[in-house]
Amino acid sequence: MPEGDTVWRAARALHTALAGGVLVRCDLRVPRFATSDLSGRAVLDVTPHGKHLLTRVEGGLTLHSHLGMEGAWKVYGTDRRWGGGPPHEIRAVLGTGSATAVGYRLKVLELIRTAQEERVVGHLGPDLLGPDWDAATALSNLLADPARPVGEALLDQRNLAGVGNIFKSEACFVARANPWTPVGEVREPERLVDAAKRLLELNKRLSSGSRRLHVSGRRNLPCPRCRTLIRKAPQQDRPTYWCPRCQPSPTP
């Protein structure tokens, strides 16, 4: 699933391509909004919130999208061929006179009133990469369920928005917390929040293939701290990576 840094980069690319321009093409390929047409409206901005994207246009409307597991927005020049996937995977096309944004395999695509954005993102915790970031609130949210394993709590977007499976493992490693340890038993739990923030900030300007990772995807490779072999196990049916020496028990 795309992480907060991926969504941040997608929002920046969409904002750069579309904001300030007038839509000359709008094709929403979902049944509920298939007849909706935003052509003739200016794009005001594209804003990320956790893993959600909010594309605001004139007239008080917002196109809300969520990438889900496999979704992506691709931006093309007017003379470039689209290459993000087969046509049947396209869910949205937004075009100005200079660029076209194509949404592939989007899990969520809906047109809402800008004044009602709270309905789709209001349940989320503080956005790690947003202007409303509040570390104290994020920590309070995590500690509200002290028996919950750290890895599960970090993935819950209601606690803090933007952590996915990769940065769950990375934040736990940086904070020296075992992903299966109950939140309430973690020493200095504020280090988890700080680690998640620093990791996403560090990686948001890097491509996914250039991320600086310590343990994620490194099963049976040496830990960058102690050279112990990294382990992998499922947590909530998702792969979790950790160093058994730097992040000791409980084991899954």
C-alpha atoms as a PDB file:
ATOM      1  CA  MET A   1       0.000   0.000   0.000  1.00  0.00           C
ATOM      2  CA  PRO A   2       1.359   3.468  -0.840  1.00  0.00           C
ATOM      3  CA  GLU A   3       2.804   5.270   2.164  1.00  0.00           C
ATOM      4  CA  GLY A   4       2.399   8.898   3.155  1.00  0.00           C
ATOM      5  CA  ASP A   5       5.550   9.921   1.305  1.00  0.00           C
ATOM      6  CA  THR A   6       4.224   8.406  -1.935  1.00  0.00           C
ATOM      7  CA  VAL A   7       0.924  10.246  -1.583  1.00  0.00           C
ATOM      8  CA  TRP A   8       2.774  13.487  -0.804  1.00  0.00           C
ATOM      9  CA  ARG A   9       4.809  13.144  -4.011  1.00  0.00           C
ATOM     10  CA  ALA A  10       1.670  12.358  -6.014  1.00  0.00           C
ATOM     11  CA  ALA A  11      -0.055  15.463  -4.651  1.00  0.00           C
ATOM     12  CA  ARG A  12       2.941  17.639  -5.463  1.00  0.00           C
ATOM     13  CA  ALA A  13       3.088  16.302  -9.040  1.00  0.00           C
ATOM     14  CA  LEU A  14      -0.651  16.840  -9.546  1.00  0.00           C
ATOM     15  CA  HIS A  15      -0.541  20.319  -8.025  1.00  0.00           C
ATOM     16  CA  THR A  16       2.410  21.347 -10.209  1.00  0.00           C
ATOM     17  CA  ALA A  17       0.694  20.035 -13.348  1.00  0.00           C
ATOM     18  CA  LEU A  18      -2.878  21.182 -12.760  1.00  0.00           C
ATOM     19  CA  ALA A  19      -3.161  23.990 -10.198  1.00  0.00           C
ATOM     20  CA  GLY A  20      -3.953  27.327 -11.793  1.00  0.00           C
ATOM     21  CA  GLY A  21      -5.056  25.711 -15.023  1.00  0.00           C
ATOM     22  CA  VAL A  22      -8.569  25.336 -16.398  1.00  0.00           C
ATOM     23  CA  LEU A  23      -9.806  21.818 -17.045  1.00  0.00           C
ATOM     24  CA  VAL A  24     -10.498  21.124 -20.699  1.00  0.00           C
ATOM     25  CA  ARG A  25     -11.124  17.439 -20.069  1.00  0.00           C
ATOM     26  CA  CYS A  26     -12.735  15.559 -17.198  1.00  0.00           C
ATOM     27  CA  ASP A  27     -13.550  11.875 -17.394  1.00  0.00           C
ATOM     28  CA  LEU A  28     -14.537  10.117 -14.166  1.00  0.00           C
ATOM     29  CA  ARG A  29     -14.859   6.418 -14.886  1.00  0.00           C
ATOM     30  CA  VAL A  30     -16.845   5.277 -11.886  1.00  0.00           C
ATOM     31  CA  PRO A  31     -20.578   4.661 -12.241  1.00  0.00           C
ATOM     32  CA  ARG A  32     -21.748   7.153  -9.629  1.00  0.00           C
ATOM     33  CA  PHE A  33     -19.882  10.096 -11.172  1.00  0.00           C
ATOM     34  CA  ALA A  34     -19.601   9.031 -14.799  1.00  0.00           C
ATOM     35  CA  THR A  35     -21.803  11.932 -15.947  1.00  0.00           C
ATOM     36  CA  SER A  36     -20.040  14.553 -13.826  1.00  0.00           C
ATOM     37  CA  ASP A  37     -18.003  17.053 -15.838  1.00  0.00           C
ATOM     38  CA  LEU A  38     -15.621  19.583 -14.298  1.00  0.00           C
ATOM     39  CA  SER A  39     -14.526  21.033 -17.634  1.00  0.00           C
ATOM     40  CA  GLY A  40     -14.284  24.805 -17.625  1.00  0.00           C
ATOM     41  CA  ARG A  41     -13.405  24.964 -13.921  1.00  0.00           C
ATOM     42  CA  ALA A  42      -9.989  26.040 -12.657  1.00  0.00           C
ATOM     43  CA  VAL A  43      -8.012  23.691 -10.427  1.00  0.00           C
ATOM     44  CA  LEU A  44      -7.265  25.506  -7.180  1.00  0.00           C
ATOM     45  CA  ASP A  45      -4.912  23.065  -5.468  1.00  0.00           C
ATOM     46  CA  VAL A  46      -4.142  19.436  -4.768  1.00  0.00           C
ATOM     47  CA  THR A  47      -3.607  18.607  -1.109  1.00  0.00           C
ATOM     48  CA  PRO A  48      -2.618  15.309   0.535  1.00  0.00           C
ATOM     49  CA  HIS A  49      -4.039  14.241   3.872  1.00  0.00           C
ATOM     50  CA  GLY A  50      -2.462  11.048   5.130  1.00  0.00           C
ATOM     51  CA  LYS A  51      -3.106   8.626   2.282  1.00  0.00           C
ATOM     52  CA  HIS A  52      -5.938  10.675   0.772  1.00  0.00           C
ATOM     53  CA  LEU A  53      -5.725  13.169  -2.105  1.00  0.00           C
ATOM     54  CA  LEU A  54      -7.994  16.207  -2.328  1.00  0.00           C
ATOM     55  CA  THR A  55      -8.144  17.969  -5.703  1.00  0.00           C
ATOM     56  CA  ARG A  56     -10.075  21.202  -5.249  1.00  0.00           C
ATOM     57  CA  VAL A  57     -11.687  23.018  -8.166  1.00  0.00           C
ATOM     58  CA  GLU A  58     -13.721  26.158  -8.686  1.00  0.00           C
ATOM     59  CA  GLY A  59     -17.281  26.098  -7.499  1.00  0.00           C
ATOM     60  CA  GLY A  60     -16.614  24.537  -4.106  1.00  0.00           C
ATOM     61  CA  LEU A  61     -15.996  20.995  -5.345  1.00  0.00           C
ATOM     62  CA  THR A  62     -13.308  18.481  -4.381  1.00  0.00           C
ATOM     63  CA  LEU A  63     -12.320  15.302  -6.169  1.00  0.00           C
ATOM     64  CA  HIS A  64     -11.386  12.889  -3.385  1.00  0.00           C
ATOM     65  CA  SER A  65      -9.201   9.904  -4.253  1.00  0.00           C
ATOM     66  CA  HIS A  66      -7.398   7.168  -2.359  1.00  0.00           C
ATOM     67  CA  LEU A  67      -4.740   5.006  -3.982  1.00  0.00           C
ATOM     68  CA  GLY A  68      -5.502   1.847  -2.019  1.00  0.00           C
ATOM     69  CA  MET A  69      -3.038  -0.994  -2.564  1.00  0.00           C
ATOM     70  CA  GLU A  70      -2.215  -0.501  -6.238  1.00  0.00           C
ATOM     71  CA  GLY A  71      -3.515   2.900  -7.301  1.00  0.00           C
ATOM     72  CA  ALA A  72      -1.445   5.660  -8.892  1.00  0.00           C
ATOM     73  CA  TRP A  73      -1.792   9.073 -10.479  1.00  0.00           C
ATOM     74  CA  LYS A  74       0.397   9.692 -13.534  1.00  0.00           C
ATOM     75  CA  VAL A  75       0.997  13.066 -15.201  1.00  0.00           C
ATOM     76  CA  TYR A  76       1.634  13.344 -18.931  1.00  0.00           C
ATOM     77  CA  GLY A  77       2.406  16.173 -21.312  1.00  0.00           C
ATOM     78  CA  THR A  78      -0.160  16.743 -24.014  1.00  0.00           C
ATOM     79  CA  ASP A  79       2.061  14.998 -26.570  1.00  0.00           C
ATOM     80  CA  ARG A  80       3.016  11.991 -24.413  1.00  0.00           C
ATOM     81  CA  ARG A  81       1.473   8.559 -24.615  1.00  0.00           C
ATOM     82  CA  TRP A  82      -0.130   7.301 -21.418  1.00  0.00           C
ATOM     83  CA  GLY A  83       1.756   4.386 -19.953  1.00  0.00           C
ATOM     84  CA  GLY A  84       0.501   3.783 -16.421  1.00  0.00           C
ATOM     85  CA  GLY A  85      -1.553   0.720 -17.272  1.00  0.00           C
ATOM     86  CA  PRO A  86      -4.190  -0.659 -19.654  1.00  0.00           C
ATOM     87  CA  PRO A  87      -7.204   1.545 -20.459  1.00  0.00           C
ATOM     88  CA  HIS A  88      -9.620  -0.562 -18.401  1.00  0.00           C
ATOM     89  CA  GLU A  89      -7.652   0.349 -15.237  1.00  0.00           C
ATOM     90  CA  ILE A  90      -8.164   4.091 -15.709  1.00  0.00           C
ATOM     91  CA  ARG A  91     -10.562   5.626 -13.198  1.00  0.00           C
ATOM     92  CA  ALA A  92     -10.071   9.346 -13.843  1.00  0.00           C
ATOM     93  CA  VAL A  93      -8.698  11.714 -16.458  1.00  0.00           C
ATOM     94  CA  LEU A  94      -8.142  15.413 -15.714  1.00  0.00           C
ATOM     95  CA  GLY A  95      -6.639  17.545 -18.441  1.00  0.00           C
ATOM     96  CA  THR A  96      -5.630  21.185 -18.869  1.00  0.00           C
ATOM     97  CA  GLY A  97      -4.128  22.793 -21.929  1.00  0.00           C
ATOM     98  CA  SER A  98      -0.630  21.748 -20.874  1.00  0.00           C
ATOM     99  CA  ALA A  99      -0.919  18.486 -18.934  1.00  0.00           C
ATOM    100  CA  THR A 100      -3.095  15.456 -18.346  1.00  0.00           C
ATOM    101  CA  ALA A 101      -3.393  13.577 -15.057  1.00  0.00           C
ATOM    102  CA  VAL A 102      -4.574   9.972 -15.257  1.00  0.00           C
ATOM    103  CA  GLY A 103      -5.665   7.980 -12.199  1.00  0.00           C
ATOM    104  CA  TYR A 104      -5.123   4.226 -12.423  1.00  0.00           C
ATOM    105  CA  ARG A 105      -6.652   1.550 -10.161  1.00  0.00           C
ATOM    106  CA  LEU A 106      -7.873   4.110  -7.622  1.00  0.00           C
ATOM    107  CA  LYS A 107      -9.539   2.490  -4.638  1.00  0.00           C
ATOM    108  CA  VAL A 108     -11.705   5.547  -3.960  1.00  0.00           C
ATOM    109  CA  LEU A 109     -12.852   8.243  -6.368  1.00  0.00           C
ATOM    110  CA  GLU A 110     -15.684  10.562  -5.479  1.00  0.00           C
ATOM    111  CA  LEU A 111     -16.787  14.130  -6.040  1.00  0.00           C
ATOM    112  CA  ILE A 112     -17.764  15.977  -2.870  1.00  0.00           C
ATOM    113  CA  ARG A 113     -18.372  19.507  -1.682  1.00  0.00           C
ATOM    114  CA  THR A 114     -15.173  21.129  -0.458  1.00  0.00           C
ATOM    115  CA  ALA A 115     -17.046  22.209   2.652  1.00  0.00           C
ATOM    116  CA  GLN A 116     -17.681  18.514   3.388  1.00  0.00           C
ATOM    117  CA  GLU A 117     -14.068  17.281   3.202  1.00  0.00           C
ATOM    118  CA  GLU A 118     -14.193  16.605   6.918  1.00  0.00           C
ATOM    119  CA  ARG A 119     -16.538  13.736   6.120  1.00  0.00           C
ATOM    120  CA  VAL A 120     -13.773  11.805   4.341  1.00  0.00           C
ATOM    121  CA  VAL A 121     -10.667  12.829   6.317  1.00  0.00           C
ATOM    122  CA  GLY A 122     -12.043  14.030   9.643  1.00  0.00           C
ATOM    123  CA  HIS A 123     -11.586  10.619  11.271  1.00  0.00           C
ATOM    124  CA  LEU A 124      -7.848  10.645  10.611  1.00  0.00           C
ATOM    125  CA  GLY A 125      -5.189  11.426  13.166  1.00  0.00           C
ATOM    126  CA  PRO A 126      -2.632  14.218  12.654  1.00  0.00           C
ATOM    127  CA  ASP A 127      -1.021  14.120   9.207  1.00  0.00           C
ATOM    128  CA  LEU A 128       2.705  13.384   9.540  1.00  0.00           C
ATOM    129  CA  LEU A 129       3.480  15.476   6.447  1.00  0.00           C
ATOM    130  CA  GLY A 130       0.709  18.041   6.823  1.00  0.00           C
ATOM    131  CA  PRO A 131       0.570  21.567   8.204  1.00  0.00           C
ATOM    132  CA  ASP A 132      -1.655  20.327  11.040  1.00  0.00           C
ATOM    133  CA  TRP A 133       0.952  17.898  12.398  1.00  0.00           C
ATOM    134  CA  ASP A 134       0.630  17.595  16.176  1.00  0.00           C
ATOM    135  CA  ALA A 135       3.046  15.170  17.809  1.00  0.00           C
ATOM    136  CA  ALA A 136       1.361  15.404  21.218  1.00  0.00           C
ATOM    137  CA  THR A 137      -2.026  14.412  19.801  1.00  0.00           C
ATOM    138  CA  ALA A 138      -0.501  11.551  17.831  1.00  0.00           C
ATOM    139  CA  LEU A 139       1.203  10.219  20.957  1.00  0.00           C
ATOM    140  CA  SER A 140      -1.991  10.543  22.967  1.00  0.00           C
ATOM    141  CA  ASN A 141      -3.873   8.602  20.291  1.00  0.00           C
ATOM    142  CA  LEU A 142      -1.317   5.772  20.350  1.00  0.00           C
ATOM    143  CA  LEU A 143      -1.409   5.518  24.133  1.00  0.00           C
ATOM    144  CA  ALA A 144      -5.207   5.474  24.259  1.00  0.00           C
ATOM    145  CA  ASP A 145      -5.087   1.683  23.732  1.00  0.00           C
ATOM    146  CA  PRO A 146      -2.005   0.620  25.739  1.00  0.00           C
ATOM    147  CA  ALA A 147      -2.520  -3.106  25.148  1.00  0.00           C
ATOM    148  CA  ARG A 148      -2.393  -2.808  21.379  1.00  0.00           C
ATOM    149  CA  PRO A 149       0.823  -3.977  19.666  1.00  0.00           C
ATOM    150  CA  VAL A 150       2.973  -1.119  18.413  1.00  0.00           C
ATOM    151  CA  GLY A 151       2.936  -2.269  14.791  1.00  0.00           C
ATOM    152  CA  GLU A 152      -0.859  -2.361  14.682  1.00  0.00           C
ATOM    153  CA  ALA A 153      -1.205   1.002  16.416  1.00  0.00           C
ATOM    154  CA  LEU A 154       1.146   2.729  13.955  1.00  0.00           C
ATOM    155  CA  LEU A 155      -0.854   1.434  10.987  1.00  0.00           C
ATOM    156  CA  ASP A 156      -4.133   2.776  12.367  1.00  0.00           C
ATOM    157  CA  GLN A 157      -4.667   6.014  10.457  1.00  0.00           C
ATOM    158  CA  ARG A 158      -6.951   7.257  13.219  1.00  0.00           C
ATOM    159  CA  ASN A 159      -3.872   7.561  15.450  1.00  0.00           C
ATOM    160  CA  LEU A 160      -1.550   9.300  13.009  1.00  0.00           C
ATOM    161  CA  ALA A 161      -1.977   9.536   9.255  1.00  0.00           C
ATOM    162  CA  GLY A 162       0.639   8.490   6.738  1.00  0.00           C
ATOM    163  CA  VAL A 163       2.380   5.385   8.120  1.00  0.00           C
ATOM    164  CA  GLY A 164       2.130   2.278   5.960  1.00  0.00           C
ATOM    165  CA  ASN A 165       3.632  -1.162   6.314  1.00  0.00           C
ATOM    166  CA  ILE A 166       7.143  -0.102   5.307  1.00  0.00           C
ATOM    167  CA  PHE A 167       7.460   2.797   7.711  1.00  0.00           C
ATOM    168  CA  LYS A 168       5.769   0.816  10.461  1.00  0.00           C
ATOM    169  CA  SER A 169       8.776  -1.501  10.478  1.00  0.00           C
ATOM    170  CA  GLU A 170      11.215   1.368   9.998  1.00  0.00           C
ATOM    171  CA  ALA A 171       9.816   3.497  12.834  1.00  0.00           C
ATOM    172  CA  CYS A 172       9.889   0.543  15.209  1.00  0.00           C
ATOM    173  CA  PHE A 173      13.515  -0.149  14.319  1.00  0.00           C
ATOM    174  CA  VAL A 174      14.637   3.456  14.737  1.00  0.00           C
ATOM    175  CA  ALA A 175      12.827   3.684  18.085  1.00  0.00           C
ATOM    176  CA  ARG A 176      14.199   0.250  19.157  1.00  0.00           C
ATOM    177  CA  ALA A 177      10.677  -1.045  19.776  1.00  0.00           C
ATOM    178  CA  ASN A 178       9.579  -4.566  18.931  1.00  0.00           C
ATOM    179  CA  PRO A 179       6.469  -4.372  16.689  1.00  0.00           C
ATOM    180  CA  TRP A 180       4.618  -6.873  18.915  1.00  0.00           C
ATOM    181  CA  THR A 181       5.249  -4.978  22.163  1.00  0.00           C
ATOM    182  CA  PRO A 182       2.090  -3.407  23.637  1.00  0.00           C
ATOM    183  CA  VAL A 183       2.216   0.358  23.237  1.00  0.00           C
ATOM    184  CA  GLY A 184       1.876   0.867  26.955  1.00  0.00           C
ATOM    185  CA  GLU A 185       5.060  -1.140  27.601  1.00  0.00           C
ATOM    186  CA  VAL A 186       7.283   0.799  25.212  1.00  0.00           C
ATOM    187  CA  ARG A 187       9.922   2.894  26.904  1.00  0.00           C
ATOM    188  CA  GLU A 188       9.825   6.475  25.648  1.00  0.00           C
ATOM    189  CA  PRO A 189       6.919   5.946  23.228  1.00  0.00           C
ATOM    190  CA  GLU A 190       7.401   9.496  21.965  1.00  0.00           C
ATOM    191  CA  ARG A 191      10.400   8.130  20.063  1.00  0.00           C
ATOM    192  CA  LEU A 192       7.989   6.167  17.843  1.00  0.00           C
ATOM    193  CA  VAL A 193       6.167   9.346  16.846  1.00  0.00           C
ATOM    194  CA  ASP A 194       9.431  11.210  16.301  1.00  0.00           C
ATOM    195  CA  ALA A 195      10.854   8.365  14.206  1.00  0.00           C
ATOM    196  CA  ALA A 196       7.764   8.151  11.987  1.00  0.00           C
ATOM    197  CA  LYS A 197       7.872  11.909  11.378  1.00  0.00           C
ATOM    198  CA  ARG A 198      11.598  12.007  10.605  1.00  0.00           C
ATOM    199  CA  LEU A 199      11.466   8.998   8.291  1.00  0.00           C
ATOM    200  CA  LEU A 200       8.600  10.341   6.197  1.00  0.00           C
ATOM    201  CA  GLU A 201      10.178  13.794   5.998  1.00  0.00           C
ATOM    202  CA  LEU A 202      13.467  12.245   4.910  1.00  0.00           C
ATOM    203  CA  ASN A 203      11.887  10.090   2.222  1.00  0.00           C
ATOM    204  CA  LYS A 204       9.161  12.332   0.823  1.00  0.00           C
ATOM    205  CA  ARG A 205      11.461  13.867  -1.794  1.00  0.00           C
ATOM    206  CA  LEU A 206      12.926  10.506  -2.819  1.00  0.00           C
ATOM    207  CA  SER A 207      11.381   8.064  -5.263  1.00  0.00           C
ATOM    208  CA  SER A 208      10.032   4.847  -3.781  1.00  0.00           C
ATOM    209  CA  GLY A 209      12.959   2.973  -5.302  1.00  0.00           C
ATOM    210  CA  SER A 210      15.436   5.314  -3.592  1.00  0.00           C
ATOM    211  CA  ARG A 211      14.033   5.143  -0.068  1.00  0.00           C
ATOM    212  CA  ARG A 212      16.549   4.878   2.743  1.00  0.00           C
ATOM    213  CA  LEU A 213      15.461   1.778   4.629  1.00  0.00           C
ATOM    214  CA  HIS A 214      16.997  -0.049   7.562  1.00  0.00           C
ATOM    215  CA  VAL A 215      15.037  -3.303   7.887  1.00  0.00           C
ATOM    216  CA  SER A 216      12.037  -3.351   5.558  1.00  0.00           C
ATOM    217  CA  GLY A 217      12.508  -5.852   2.742  1.00  0.00           C
ATOM    218  CA  ARG A 218      15.855  -6.990   4.232  1.00  0.00           C
ATOM    219  CA  ARG A 219      15.029 -10.426   5.608  1.00  0.00           C
ATOM    220  CA  ASN A 220      18.181 -12.462   6.416  1.00  0.00           C
ATOM    221  CA  LEU A 221      20.424  -9.464   5.712  1.00  0.00           C
ATOM    222  CA  PRO A 222      22.580  -8.009   8.507  1.00  0.00           C
ATOM    223  CA  CYS A 223      21.159  -5.325  10.757  1.00  0.00           C
ATOM    224  CA  PRO A 224      22.845  -1.966  10.012  1.00  0.00           C
ATOM    225  CA  ARG A 225      23.441  -1.522  13.764  1.00  0.00           C
ATOM    226  CA  CYS A 226      24.521  -4.874  15.145  1.00  0.00           C
ATOM    227  CA  ARG A 227      24.862  -7.187  12.089  1.00  0.00           C
ATOM    228  CA  THR A 228      22.272  -9.650  13.455  1.00  0.00           C
ATOM    229  CA  LEU A 229      20.160 -11.083  10.645  1.00  0.00           C
ATOM    230  CA  ILE A 230      16.873  -9.255  10.071  1.00  0.00           C
ATOM    231  CA  ARG A 231      13.760 -11.347  10.633  1.00  0.00           C
ATOM    232  CA  LYS A 232      10.364 -11.261   8.944  1.00  0.00           C
ATOM    233  CA  ALA A 233       6.939 -12.385  10.185  1.00  0.00           C
ATOM    234  CA  PRO A 234       3.297 -11.526   9.441  1.00  0.00           C
ATOM    235  CA  GLN A 235       1.423  -9.026  11.590  1.00  0.00           C
ATOM    236  CA  GLN A 236      -2.222  -8.480  10.686  1.00  0.00           C
ATOM    237  CA  ASP A 237      -1.429 -10.501   7.537  1.00  0.00           C
ATOM    238  CA  ARG A 238       1.224  -7.980   6.515  1.00  0.00           C
ATOM    239  CA  PRO A 239       5.002  -8.567   6.446  1.00  0.00           C
ATOM    240  CA  THR A 240       6.872  -7.050   9.366  1.00  0.00           C
ATOM    241  CA  TYR A 241      10.646  -6.763   9.623  1.00  0.00           C
ATOM    242  CA  TRP A 242      12.731  -6.324  12.771  1.00  0.00           C
ATOM    243  CA  CYS A 243      16.107  -7.009  14.338  1.00  0.00           C
ATOM    244  CA  PRO A 244      15.773  -9.577  17.161  1.00  0.00           C
ATOM    245  CA  ARG A 245      18.751  -8.089  18.989  1.00  0.00           C
ATOM    246  CA  CYS A 246      18.017  -4.366  18.666  1.00  0.00           C
ATOM    247  CA  GLN A 247      14.277  -4.960  19.134  1.00  0.00           C
ATOM    248  CA  PRO A 248      14.083  -7.884  21.591  1.00  0.00           C
ATOM    249  CA  SER A 249      11.005  -9.848  22.647  1.00  0.00           C
ATOM    250  CA  PRO A 250       8.154 -10.403  22.475  1.00  0.00           C
ATOM    251  CA  THR A 251       8.548 -12.510  19.371  1.00  0.00           C
ATOM    252  CA  PRO A 252       5.546 -13.261  17.149  1.00  0.00           C
END
